N, C-alpha and C. Protein backbone atom coordinates (compact mmCIF):
# COMPACT_ATOMS: atom_id res chain seq x y z
N MET A 1 0.85 -1.18 0.00
CA MET A 1 0.00 0.00 0.00
C MET A 1 0.89 1.24 0.00
N GLN A 2 0.55 2.18 -0.85
CA GLN A 2 1.26 3.46 -0.88
C GLN A 2 0.49 4.44 0.00
N ILE A 3 1.25 5.21 0.80
CA ILE A 3 0.66 6.20 1.69
C ILE A 3 1.30 7.54 1.38
N PHE A 4 0.46 8.55 1.13
CA PHE A 4 0.94 9.86 0.73
C PHE A 4 0.53 10.91 1.75
N ASP A 5 1.47 11.80 2.09
CA ASP A 5 1.15 12.95 2.92
C ASP A 5 0.31 13.91 2.09
N THR A 6 -0.41 14.79 2.78
CA THR A 6 -1.20 15.83 2.12
C THR A 6 -0.78 17.18 2.70
N SER A 7 -1.42 18.23 2.26
CA SER A 7 -1.10 19.56 2.76
C SER A 7 -1.55 19.76 4.21
N LEU A 8 -2.39 18.87 4.72
CA LEU A 8 -2.82 18.92 6.13
C LEU A 8 -2.08 17.86 6.92
N ARG A 9 -1.45 18.27 8.00
CA ARG A 9 -0.76 17.30 8.85
C ARG A 9 -1.75 16.21 9.29
N ASP A 10 -1.31 14.99 9.21
CA ASP A 10 -2.06 13.82 9.69
C ASP A 10 -3.14 13.32 8.75
N VAL A 11 -3.55 14.09 7.73
CA VAL A 11 -4.49 13.60 6.72
C VAL A 11 -3.65 12.89 5.66
N LYS A 12 -4.03 11.67 5.31
CA LYS A 12 -3.24 10.85 4.38
C LYS A 12 -4.11 10.33 3.25
N ARG A 13 -3.48 10.14 2.10
CA ARG A 13 -4.09 9.42 0.97
C ARG A 13 -3.47 8.04 0.96
N LEU A 14 -4.29 7.02 0.78
CA LEU A 14 -3.82 5.64 0.76
C LEU A 14 -4.22 4.99 -0.55
N ARG A 15 -3.27 4.33 -1.19
CA ARG A 15 -3.55 3.67 -2.46
C ARG A 15 -3.10 2.21 -2.36
N PRO A 16 -4.05 1.28 -2.18
CA PRO A 16 -3.70 -0.13 -2.14
C PRO A 16 -3.18 -0.61 -3.50
N GLN A 17 -2.36 -1.63 -3.45
CA GLN A 17 -1.86 -2.23 -4.69
C GLN A 17 -2.99 -2.99 -5.38
N LYS A 18 -3.04 -2.86 -6.69
CA LYS A 18 -4.08 -3.51 -7.49
C LYS A 18 -3.39 -4.53 -8.40
N ASN A 19 -3.79 -5.79 -8.32
CA ASN A 19 -3.22 -6.84 -9.16
C ASN A 19 -4.30 -7.35 -10.09
N GLY A 20 -4.00 -7.35 -11.38
CA GLY A 20 -5.03 -7.74 -12.34
C GLY A 20 -4.50 -8.54 -13.51
N ASP A 21 -5.44 -9.15 -14.20
CA ASP A 21 -5.16 -9.86 -15.44
C ASP A 21 -6.42 -9.80 -16.29
N GLU A 22 -6.52 -10.67 -17.28
CA GLU A 22 -7.67 -10.63 -18.19
C GLU A 22 -9.00 -10.91 -17.48
N ARG A 23 -8.98 -11.49 -16.29
CA ARG A 23 -10.20 -11.80 -15.54
C ARG A 23 -10.73 -10.60 -14.77
N GLY A 24 -9.85 -9.65 -14.48
CA GLY A 24 -10.22 -8.52 -13.64
C GLY A 24 -9.07 -8.15 -12.73
N TRP A 25 -9.36 -7.79 -11.51
CA TRP A 25 -8.31 -7.41 -10.57
C TRP A 25 -8.68 -7.79 -9.15
N PHE A 26 -7.67 -7.74 -8.26
CA PHE A 26 -7.81 -8.02 -6.84
C PHE A 26 -6.97 -6.99 -6.09
N SER A 27 -7.47 -6.56 -4.92
CA SER A 27 -6.72 -5.61 -4.09
C SER A 27 -7.03 -5.87 -2.62
N GLU A 28 -5.99 -5.92 -1.81
CA GLU A 28 -6.17 -5.97 -0.37
C GLU A 28 -6.33 -4.54 0.11
N VAL A 29 -7.51 -4.16 0.54
CA VAL A 29 -7.78 -2.77 0.87
C VAL A 29 -7.59 -2.44 2.35
N PHE A 30 -7.56 -3.45 3.21
CA PHE A 30 -7.32 -3.19 4.62
C PHE A 30 -6.64 -4.39 5.25
N ASN A 31 -5.60 -4.10 6.04
CA ASN A 31 -4.88 -5.13 6.78
C ASN A 31 -4.37 -4.46 8.05
N THR A 32 -4.72 -5.00 9.21
CA THR A 32 -4.35 -4.35 10.47
C THR A 32 -2.84 -4.20 10.60
N ARG A 33 -2.07 -5.19 10.16
CA ARG A 33 -0.61 -5.09 10.28
C ARG A 33 -0.05 -3.96 9.42
N THR A 34 -0.56 -3.84 8.20
CA THR A 34 -0.09 -2.78 7.30
C THR A 34 -0.40 -1.41 7.88
N PHE A 35 -1.62 -1.23 8.37
CA PHE A 35 -2.01 0.06 8.94
C PHE A 35 -1.20 0.38 10.19
N ALA A 36 -1.05 -0.58 11.10
CA ALA A 36 -0.29 -0.36 12.33
C ALA A 36 1.17 -0.01 12.01
N ALA A 37 1.77 -0.71 11.06
CA ALA A 37 3.16 -0.44 10.69
C ALA A 37 3.33 0.97 10.13
N ALA A 38 2.28 1.51 9.51
CA ALA A 38 2.33 2.86 8.93
C ALA A 38 1.93 3.94 9.94
N GLY A 39 1.62 3.53 11.19
CA GLY A 39 1.20 4.51 12.20
C GLY A 39 -0.23 4.96 12.06
N LEU A 40 -1.03 4.18 11.33
CA LEU A 40 -2.45 4.49 11.14
C LEU A 40 -3.28 3.59 12.05
N PRO A 41 -4.54 3.96 12.32
CA PRO A 41 -5.38 3.11 13.16
C PRO A 41 -5.55 1.73 12.53
N ASP A 42 -5.56 0.73 13.38
CA ASP A 42 -5.78 -0.62 12.88
C ASP A 42 -7.04 -1.23 13.47
N ARG A 43 -7.83 -0.38 14.12
CA ARG A 43 -9.11 -0.82 14.69
C ARG A 43 -10.21 0.16 14.30
N PHE A 44 -11.17 -0.33 13.56
CA PHE A 44 -12.34 0.46 13.19
C PHE A 44 -13.56 -0.26 13.73
N VAL A 45 -14.56 0.49 14.19
CA VAL A 45 -15.70 -0.12 14.88
C VAL A 45 -17.00 -0.02 14.10
N GLN A 46 -17.02 0.78 13.03
CA GLN A 46 -18.27 0.98 12.31
C GLN A 46 -17.97 1.30 10.86
N ASP A 47 -18.76 0.71 9.96
CA ASP A 47 -18.70 1.04 8.53
C ASP A 47 -20.00 1.73 8.15
N ASN A 48 -19.89 2.82 7.40
CA ASN A 48 -21.05 3.57 6.93
C ASN A 48 -20.98 3.68 5.42
N GLN A 49 -22.13 3.70 4.77
CA GLN A 49 -22.19 3.85 3.33
C GLN A 49 -23.29 4.83 2.98
N SER A 50 -23.00 5.72 2.03
CA SER A 50 -24.04 6.64 1.56
C SER A 50 -24.12 6.54 0.05
N PHE A 51 -25.32 6.77 -0.46
CA PHE A 51 -25.57 6.85 -1.90
C PHE A 51 -26.18 8.22 -2.14
N SER A 52 -25.62 8.95 -3.10
CA SER A 52 -26.09 10.31 -3.36
C SER A 52 -26.09 10.60 -4.85
N GLN A 53 -26.91 11.56 -5.24
CA GLN A 53 -26.96 11.99 -6.63
C GLN A 53 -26.06 13.21 -6.84
N ARG A 54 -25.84 13.54 -8.08
CA ARG A 54 -25.01 14.69 -8.45
C ARG A 54 -25.51 15.95 -7.73
N GLY A 55 -24.56 16.70 -7.21
CA GLY A 55 -24.88 17.96 -6.55
C GLY A 55 -25.17 17.85 -5.08
N VAL A 56 -25.29 16.64 -4.54
CA VAL A 56 -25.50 16.49 -3.09
C VAL A 56 -24.21 16.87 -2.39
N LEU A 57 -24.33 17.71 -1.38
CA LEU A 57 -23.19 18.13 -0.57
C LEU A 57 -23.50 17.74 0.87
N ARG A 58 -22.64 16.94 1.45
CA ARG A 58 -22.81 16.47 2.83
C ARG A 58 -21.69 17.06 3.68
N GLY A 59 -22.07 17.65 4.82
CA GLY A 59 -21.05 18.14 5.74
C GLY A 59 -21.13 19.65 5.89
N LEU A 60 -20.25 20.10 6.66
CA LEU A 60 -18.98 19.61 7.18
C LEU A 60 -19.21 19.07 8.61
N HIS A 61 -19.13 17.78 8.79
CA HIS A 61 -19.46 17.13 10.06
C HIS A 61 -18.22 16.83 10.89
N TYR A 62 -18.40 16.91 12.20
CA TYR A 62 -17.36 16.50 13.15
C TYR A 62 -18.04 16.13 14.45
N GLN A 63 -17.28 15.53 15.36
CA GLN A 63 -17.85 15.05 16.61
C GLN A 63 -17.10 15.65 17.80
N LEU A 64 -17.87 16.20 18.75
CA LEU A 64 -17.28 16.67 20.00
C LEU A 64 -17.11 15.52 20.98
N LEU A 65 -18.12 14.68 21.06
CA LEU A 65 -18.10 13.51 21.94
C LEU A 65 -17.92 12.28 21.07
N GLN A 66 -17.12 11.36 21.54
CA GLN A 66 -16.80 10.16 20.77
C GLN A 66 -16.28 10.54 19.37
N PRO A 67 -15.22 11.37 19.32
CA PRO A 67 -14.70 11.80 18.02
C PRO A 67 -14.28 10.61 17.17
N GLN A 68 -14.48 10.75 15.88
CA GLN A 68 -14.22 9.66 14.94
C GLN A 68 -13.11 10.03 13.97
N GLY A 69 -12.16 9.13 13.83
CA GLY A 69 -11.28 9.17 12.68
C GLY A 69 -12.01 8.44 11.56
N LYS A 70 -11.82 8.86 10.30
CA LYS A 70 -12.59 8.29 9.19
C LYS A 70 -11.66 7.87 8.06
N LEU A 71 -11.91 6.69 7.55
CA LEU A 71 -11.21 6.16 6.38
C LEU A 71 -12.24 6.12 5.26
N ILE A 72 -12.10 7.01 4.27
CA ILE A 72 -13.15 7.26 3.28
C ILE A 72 -12.74 6.76 1.91
N ARG A 73 -13.72 6.19 1.20
CA ARG A 73 -13.48 5.73 -0.17
C ARG A 73 -14.76 5.89 -1.00
N ALA A 74 -14.61 6.37 -2.22
CA ALA A 74 -15.72 6.33 -3.18
C ALA A 74 -15.72 4.94 -3.80
N ILE A 75 -16.79 4.19 -3.60
CA ILE A 75 -16.90 2.85 -4.19
C ILE A 75 -17.26 2.96 -5.66
N SER A 76 -18.14 3.91 -5.97
CA SER A 76 -18.50 4.20 -7.35
C SER A 76 -18.74 5.69 -7.47
N GLY A 77 -18.53 6.21 -8.66
CA GLY A 77 -18.76 7.62 -8.89
C GLY A 77 -17.55 8.47 -8.54
N HIS A 78 -17.77 9.77 -8.48
CA HIS A 78 -16.71 10.75 -8.26
C HIS A 78 -17.19 11.75 -7.22
N ILE A 79 -16.43 11.90 -6.16
CA ILE A 79 -16.71 12.91 -5.15
C ILE A 79 -15.49 13.80 -4.97
N TRP A 80 -15.76 14.99 -4.47
CA TRP A 80 -14.68 15.88 -4.03
C TRP A 80 -14.83 15.96 -2.53
N ASP A 81 -13.86 15.42 -1.82
CA ASP A 81 -13.90 15.25 -0.38
C ASP A 81 -13.08 16.34 0.30
N VAL A 82 -13.58 16.86 1.40
CA VAL A 82 -12.93 17.97 2.10
C VAL A 82 -12.66 17.60 3.56
N ALA A 83 -11.47 17.96 4.03
CA ALA A 83 -11.11 17.86 5.44
C ALA A 83 -10.74 19.26 5.93
N VAL A 84 -11.24 19.61 7.13
CA VAL A 84 -10.93 20.90 7.74
C VAL A 84 -10.38 20.62 9.13
N ASP A 85 -9.19 21.13 9.43
CA ASP A 85 -8.58 20.91 10.73
C ASP A 85 -9.24 21.83 11.77
N LEU A 86 -9.93 21.21 12.74
CA LEU A 86 -10.59 21.96 13.81
C LEU A 86 -9.91 21.76 15.16
N ARG A 87 -8.72 21.18 15.16
CA ARG A 87 -7.99 20.94 16.41
C ARG A 87 -7.39 22.26 16.88
N PRO A 88 -7.86 22.80 18.02
CA PRO A 88 -7.41 24.12 18.47
C PRO A 88 -5.90 24.23 18.64
N ASN A 89 -5.22 23.15 18.98
CA ASN A 89 -3.78 23.21 19.22
C ASN A 89 -2.96 22.81 17.99
N SER A 90 -3.58 22.78 16.83
CA SER A 90 -2.89 22.40 15.60
C SER A 90 -2.38 23.64 14.85
N ALA A 91 -1.20 23.52 14.27
CA ALA A 91 -0.67 24.60 13.42
C ALA A 91 -1.53 24.78 12.17
N ASP A 92 -2.33 23.76 11.82
CA ASP A 92 -3.20 23.81 10.64
C ASP A 92 -4.64 24.20 10.97
N PHE A 93 -4.88 24.66 12.19
CA PHE A 93 -6.25 24.98 12.59
C PHE A 93 -6.92 25.90 11.56
N GLY A 94 -8.13 25.51 11.13
CA GLY A 94 -8.91 26.31 10.19
C GLY A 94 -8.52 26.13 8.74
N LYS A 95 -7.49 25.34 8.48
CA LYS A 95 -7.09 25.09 7.10
C LYS A 95 -7.87 23.90 6.55
N TRP A 96 -8.06 23.89 5.23
CA TRP A 96 -8.81 22.82 4.59
C TRP A 96 -8.03 22.31 3.38
N ALA A 97 -8.38 21.12 2.96
CA ALA A 97 -7.85 20.55 1.72
C ALA A 97 -8.94 19.72 1.07
N GLY A 98 -8.97 19.73 -0.26
CA GLY A 98 -9.96 18.97 -1.02
C GLY A 98 -9.27 17.89 -1.85
N PHE A 99 -9.97 16.77 -2.03
CA PHE A 99 -9.40 15.60 -2.69
C PHE A 99 -10.42 14.96 -3.62
N ASP A 100 -10.03 14.69 -4.85
CA ASP A 100 -10.87 13.93 -5.77
C ASP A 100 -10.77 12.46 -5.43
N LEU A 101 -11.91 11.81 -5.23
CA LEU A 101 -11.95 10.36 -5.02
C LEU A 101 -12.87 9.77 -6.08
N HIS A 102 -12.36 8.79 -6.81
CA HIS A 102 -13.09 8.12 -7.88
C HIS A 102 -13.23 6.64 -7.52
N GLY A 103 -14.38 6.07 -7.78
CA GLY A 103 -14.63 4.67 -7.47
C GLY A 103 -13.64 3.72 -8.12
N GLU A 104 -13.25 3.99 -9.35
CA GLU A 104 -12.36 3.07 -10.06
C GLU A 104 -10.91 3.14 -9.56
N ASP A 105 -10.56 4.14 -8.75
CA ASP A 105 -9.17 4.31 -8.32
C ASP A 105 -8.78 3.49 -7.10
N ILE A 106 -9.72 3.01 -6.34
CA ILE A 106 -9.44 2.32 -5.07
C ILE A 106 -8.48 3.12 -4.22
N GLU A 107 -8.81 4.38 -4.00
CA GLU A 107 -7.98 5.23 -3.15
C GLU A 107 -8.79 5.64 -1.94
N PHE A 108 -8.13 5.66 -0.78
CA PHE A 108 -8.76 6.03 0.48
C PHE A 108 -8.21 7.36 0.95
N LEU A 109 -8.99 8.02 1.78
CA LEU A 109 -8.55 9.22 2.46
C LEU A 109 -8.68 8.97 3.96
N TRP A 110 -7.58 9.16 4.70
CA TRP A 110 -7.61 9.03 6.16
C TRP A 110 -7.74 10.43 6.75
N ILE A 111 -8.82 10.65 7.53
CA ILE A 111 -9.05 11.91 8.21
C ILE A 111 -9.14 11.62 9.71
N PRO A 112 -8.18 12.09 10.51
CA PRO A 112 -8.17 11.80 11.94
C PRO A 112 -9.28 12.52 12.69
N GLN A 113 -9.49 12.12 13.92
CA GLN A 113 -10.45 12.82 14.77
C GLN A 113 -9.98 14.26 14.94
N GLY A 114 -10.95 15.15 15.15
CA GLY A 114 -10.64 16.56 15.30
C GLY A 114 -10.75 17.34 14.00
N PHE A 115 -11.11 16.65 12.91
CA PHE A 115 -11.30 17.30 11.62
C PHE A 115 -12.78 17.29 11.26
N ALA A 116 -13.24 18.35 10.59
CA ALA A 116 -14.57 18.33 9.97
C ALA A 116 -14.41 17.67 8.61
N HIS A 117 -15.48 17.01 8.15
CA HIS A 117 -15.43 16.27 6.90
C HIS A 117 -16.70 16.51 6.11
N GLY A 118 -16.56 16.61 4.80
CA GLY A 118 -17.71 16.73 3.92
C GLY A 118 -17.31 16.38 2.50
N PHE A 119 -18.31 16.23 1.64
CA PHE A 119 -18.02 15.97 0.23
C PHE A 119 -19.19 16.42 -0.63
N VAL A 120 -18.88 16.63 -1.92
CA VAL A 120 -19.90 16.93 -2.91
C VAL A 120 -19.77 15.89 -4.02
N VAL A 121 -20.92 15.45 -4.54
CA VAL A 121 -20.95 14.44 -5.60
C VAL A 121 -20.85 15.15 -6.96
N LEU A 122 -19.85 14.76 -7.76
CA LEU A 122 -19.62 15.38 -9.06
C LEU A 122 -20.05 14.49 -10.22
N SER A 123 -20.29 13.21 -9.98
CA SER A 123 -20.78 12.30 -11.02
C SER A 123 -22.31 12.21 -10.90
N GLU A 124 -22.95 11.47 -11.79
CA GLU A 124 -24.41 11.34 -11.73
C GLU A 124 -24.87 10.79 -10.38
N THR A 125 -24.16 9.79 -9.87
CA THR A 125 -24.40 9.24 -8.53
C THR A 125 -23.06 8.82 -7.95
N ALA A 126 -23.03 8.59 -6.65
CA ALA A 126 -21.82 8.11 -5.99
C ALA A 126 -22.20 7.28 -4.77
N ASN A 127 -21.45 6.20 -4.58
CA ASN A 127 -21.51 5.38 -3.37
C ASN A 127 -20.24 5.67 -2.59
N VAL A 128 -20.39 6.06 -1.34
CA VAL A 128 -19.24 6.37 -0.50
C VAL A 128 -19.28 5.48 0.72
N LEU A 129 -18.13 4.88 1.01
CA LEU A 129 -17.98 4.00 2.18
C LEU A 129 -16.95 4.61 3.10
N TYR A 130 -17.26 4.66 4.40
CA TYR A 130 -16.22 5.08 5.32
C TYR A 130 -16.30 4.29 6.62
N LYS A 131 -15.09 3.96 7.07
CA LYS A 131 -14.89 3.25 8.33
C LYS A 131 -14.61 4.30 9.40
N THR A 132 -15.08 4.07 10.63
CA THR A 132 -14.84 5.03 11.70
C THR A 132 -14.17 4.34 12.90
N THR A 133 -13.41 5.14 13.63
CA THR A 133 -12.68 4.62 14.79
C THR A 133 -13.50 4.64 16.07
N ASP A 134 -14.68 5.25 16.03
CA ASP A 134 -15.57 5.22 17.19
C ASP A 134 -17.00 5.16 16.67
N PHE A 135 -17.91 4.80 17.55
CA PHE A 135 -19.31 4.66 17.19
C PHE A 135 -19.96 6.03 17.02
N TYR A 136 -20.94 6.09 16.14
CA TYR A 136 -21.69 7.33 15.94
C TYR A 136 -22.48 7.65 17.20
N TYR A 137 -22.38 8.88 17.63
CA TYR A 137 -23.09 9.36 18.82
C TYR A 137 -23.77 10.66 18.43
N PRO A 138 -25.08 10.60 18.10
CA PRO A 138 -25.78 11.77 17.57
C PRO A 138 -25.66 13.03 18.43
N ALA A 139 -25.68 12.87 19.75
CA ALA A 139 -25.61 14.05 20.62
C ALA A 139 -24.26 14.76 20.53
N GLY A 140 -23.24 14.07 20.04
CA GLY A 140 -21.91 14.67 19.94
C GLY A 140 -21.59 15.26 18.59
N GLU A 141 -22.50 15.07 17.61
CA GLU A 141 -22.21 15.55 16.25
C GLU A 141 -22.45 17.04 16.12
N ARG A 142 -21.56 17.70 15.39
CA ARG A 142 -21.69 19.11 15.09
C ARG A 142 -21.43 19.31 13.60
N CYS A 143 -21.75 20.52 13.11
CA CYS A 143 -21.59 20.82 11.69
C CYS A 143 -21.14 22.26 11.51
N VAL A 144 -20.14 22.45 10.69
CA VAL A 144 -19.72 23.79 10.26
C VAL A 144 -20.28 23.98 8.86
N ARG A 145 -20.76 25.18 8.57
CA ARG A 145 -21.36 25.45 7.26
C ARG A 145 -20.36 25.21 6.13
N TRP A 146 -20.87 24.56 5.11
CA TRP A 146 -20.04 24.23 3.94
C TRP A 146 -19.54 25.49 3.24
N ASN A 147 -20.28 26.59 3.34
CA ASN A 147 -19.95 27.82 2.63
C ASN A 147 -19.48 28.93 3.57
N ASP A 148 -18.91 28.56 4.72
CA ASP A 148 -18.41 29.53 5.68
C ASP A 148 -17.34 30.40 5.01
N PRO A 149 -17.56 31.72 4.94
CA PRO A 149 -16.59 32.58 4.26
C PRO A 149 -15.22 32.61 4.95
N THR A 150 -15.18 32.33 6.25
CA THR A 150 -13.90 32.29 6.95
C THR A 150 -13.03 31.16 6.41
N LEU A 151 -13.65 30.01 6.11
CA LEU A 151 -12.91 28.87 5.56
C LEU A 151 -12.59 29.10 4.09
N GLY A 152 -13.54 29.64 3.35
CA GLY A 152 -13.31 29.93 1.93
C GLY A 152 -13.04 28.69 1.09
N ILE A 153 -13.77 27.62 1.34
CA ILE A 153 -13.56 26.38 0.57
C ILE A 153 -14.00 26.59 -0.87
N ALA A 154 -13.13 26.25 -1.78
CA ALA A 154 -13.39 26.42 -3.22
C ALA A 154 -14.04 25.15 -3.77
N TRP A 155 -15.29 24.93 -3.42
CA TRP A 155 -16.03 23.75 -3.87
C TRP A 155 -16.12 23.77 -5.41
N PRO A 156 -15.85 22.66 -6.07
CA PRO A 156 -15.92 22.61 -7.54
C PRO A 156 -17.37 22.39 -8.00
N LEU A 157 -18.13 23.45 -8.05
CA LEU A 157 -19.57 23.35 -8.32
C LEU A 157 -19.93 23.73 -9.75
N GLU A 158 -18.97 23.69 -10.68
CA GLU A 158 -19.27 24.01 -12.07
C GLU A 158 -20.36 23.06 -12.57
N GLY A 159 -21.39 23.62 -13.17
CA GLY A 159 -22.49 22.81 -13.68
C GLY A 159 -23.50 22.41 -12.62
N ILE A 160 -23.27 22.76 -11.38
CA ILE A 160 -24.21 22.47 -10.29
C ILE A 160 -24.78 23.82 -9.86
N GLU A 161 -26.06 24.02 -10.19
CA GLU A 161 -26.68 25.32 -9.94
C GLU A 161 -26.69 25.65 -8.45
N GLU A 162 -27.16 24.73 -7.64
CA GLU A 162 -27.22 24.91 -6.19
C GLU A 162 -27.03 23.53 -5.56
N PRO A 163 -26.04 23.37 -4.66
CA PRO A 163 -25.86 22.05 -4.04
C PRO A 163 -27.07 21.64 -3.22
N LEU A 164 -27.35 20.35 -3.18
CA LEU A 164 -28.45 19.81 -2.37
C LEU A 164 -27.91 19.50 -0.98
N ILE A 165 -28.47 20.19 0.01
CA ILE A 165 -27.96 20.11 1.38
C ILE A 165 -29.10 19.73 2.31
N SER A 166 -28.81 18.93 3.32
CA SER A 166 -29.84 18.55 4.29
C SER A 166 -30.22 19.77 5.13
N ALA A 167 -31.41 19.71 5.70
CA ALA A 167 -31.87 20.79 6.59
C ALA A 167 -30.92 20.94 7.77
N LYS A 168 -30.45 19.83 8.28
CA LYS A 168 -29.52 19.86 9.42
C LYS A 168 -28.21 20.55 9.04
N ASP A 169 -27.67 20.23 7.87
CA ASP A 169 -26.41 20.86 7.45
C ASP A 169 -26.59 22.34 7.16
N ALA A 170 -27.76 22.74 6.68
CA ALA A 170 -28.03 24.15 6.40
C ALA A 170 -28.02 24.98 7.68
N LYS A 171 -28.24 24.33 8.83
CA LYS A 171 -28.23 25.02 10.12
C LYS A 171 -26.88 24.95 10.80
N GLY A 172 -25.86 24.49 10.09
CA GLY A 172 -24.53 24.39 10.67
C GLY A 172 -24.02 25.74 11.17
N SER A 173 -23.04 25.70 12.04
CA SER A 173 -22.45 26.92 12.61
C SER A 173 -21.39 27.49 11.69
N PHE A 174 -21.15 28.76 11.83
CA PHE A 174 -19.96 29.36 11.25
C PHE A 174 -18.79 29.01 12.16
N LEU A 175 -17.60 28.89 11.60
CA LEU A 175 -16.44 28.49 12.38
C LEU A 175 -16.26 29.37 13.61
N GLN A 176 -16.45 30.67 13.48
CA GLN A 176 -16.24 31.58 14.62
C GLN A 176 -17.20 31.30 15.77
N ASP A 177 -18.35 30.65 15.50
CA ASP A 177 -19.33 30.36 16.53
C ASP A 177 -19.37 28.88 16.92
N ALA A 178 -18.58 28.08 16.27
CA ALA A 178 -18.66 26.62 16.46
C ALA A 178 -18.05 26.16 17.77
N GLU A 179 -18.68 25.14 18.34
CA GLU A 179 -18.06 24.43 19.46
C GLU A 179 -16.95 23.59 18.87
N LEU A 180 -15.76 23.71 19.42
CA LEU A 180 -14.62 23.01 18.86
C LEU A 180 -14.27 21.78 19.68
N PRO A 181 -13.64 20.80 19.03
CA PRO A 181 -13.19 19.63 19.78
C PRO A 181 -12.23 20.05 20.89
N ALA A 182 -12.24 19.31 21.97
CA ALA A 182 -11.31 19.59 23.06
C ALA A 182 -9.90 19.46 22.52
N SER A 183 -8.96 20.13 23.18
CA SER A 183 -7.58 20.01 22.75
C SER A 183 -7.21 18.53 22.75
N LEU A 184 -6.66 18.11 21.63
CA LEU A 184 -6.29 16.71 21.46
C LEU A 184 -4.78 16.57 21.48
N ASP A 185 -4.31 15.44 21.97
CA ASP A 185 -2.90 15.12 21.86
C ASP A 185 -2.66 14.79 20.40
N LEU A 186 -1.97 15.67 19.67
CA LEU A 186 -1.81 15.49 18.22
C LEU A 186 -1.07 14.21 17.88
N HIS A 187 -0.23 13.73 18.78
CA HIS A 187 0.47 12.48 18.49
C HIS A 187 -0.49 11.30 18.55
N GLN A 188 -1.54 11.38 19.37
CA GLN A 188 -2.51 10.30 19.45
C GLN A 188 -3.47 10.32 18.27
N THR A 189 -3.69 11.46 17.64
CA THR A 189 -4.67 11.52 16.57
C THR A 189 -4.12 10.93 15.27
N ILE A 190 -2.80 10.80 15.17
CA ILE A 190 -2.21 10.20 13.96
C ILE A 190 -2.55 8.72 13.93
N ALA A 191 -2.49 8.08 15.06
CA ALA A 191 -2.71 6.64 15.11
C ALA A 191 -4.14 6.33 15.46
């Protein structure tokens, strides 16, 4: 597995090896030993999957209680995935990065706890799978507005008149008003 650093500390792109022939291909997409050796989490407790149509924008979600690290992959379709560092003691606090994820690429994005996460669907439809390091706890979930001018995220919305957003996400906080995750030990959030 190839692991690539990104412009945000602790956010990683992972590309499993793909072996193929005339029959198709095979790829080992998760192995606890490989992840542990790379300093990544090797224990995930929940898998989530979403199906969305073009123009759906989900996020920017994060958790105050039971924070979740997320391992994200587009199973089919094309999404533009965003991570925003909300860790108050991070040098990258308030910075964001966007990543193209395509179903045919078998590429993952690792986003540690303490980050907000969201994505927009750029293909006709997309299936997104993500593994989490802790269980979903609705009372601990928070949302920062996808269009917060302080963040200035350059969402690639060409050809999308208006993104489709849930009522809950439309009520998200602006970063300046958001409840932030407690100070985290940054060395613990990598693993």
